[in-house]
Amino acid sequence: MEFLAAPKPIALSPEEEVLERRIDGDSSGQAAADLARSLLGRDAVPGMRIRYFIDPELNVGGRSWSREQVFRRAGLDLEGILRHAHFRPILRYFINGPVLPAATIDQFAQVVIDDAGTNGEVLDQLRRFARAEARRLSDGRRTKLHEEFFKLALESS
């Protein structure tokens, strides 16, 4: 496993920044849909983030469907998906990448770099690090940190 670069947020145009600020207050979902169409239209979303949404093999929720297929099975077309409230966290991931502190991402990268592919223990080391860091970050609350570490691992491979 080679760590290429820490995941970074994508740069938004001024118009996209306005749409992003409107997302939470827009019950119709139009701002989210417009922002998603803009980002996808200019190929701004990194490929792995798109794959996270469309590839059934990357849905660790136990289903054999992609996240997109879950929406489609509910009868939604693309416009319906982009406007749906449950698409908003995916859109935020498209924009910002994994929601983890920069120090956590840096430490994750350091585990990979220190191993430098010399032995097969890197996955065990990453697993131990992720578990310990998730316990530290969660402060005893139920969180979705496992999903954020999954996203980080995807973007780091």
Foldseek 3Di string as FASTA:
>chain_A
DAFDDFDFFFDDDPVLVVLVVCQVVDLQLPSQLVNVCVCVVVVRFDPLLVCQQAPLVNPPPPDSGGNVVVVVVVVDDSSRLSSDPVCVVSSVCSGGNQPDDPVLLVVLNVLNVVCVPVDDCSVVVSVVSQVVVCCVVCVPPDDPSVVSSSRRVSNRD
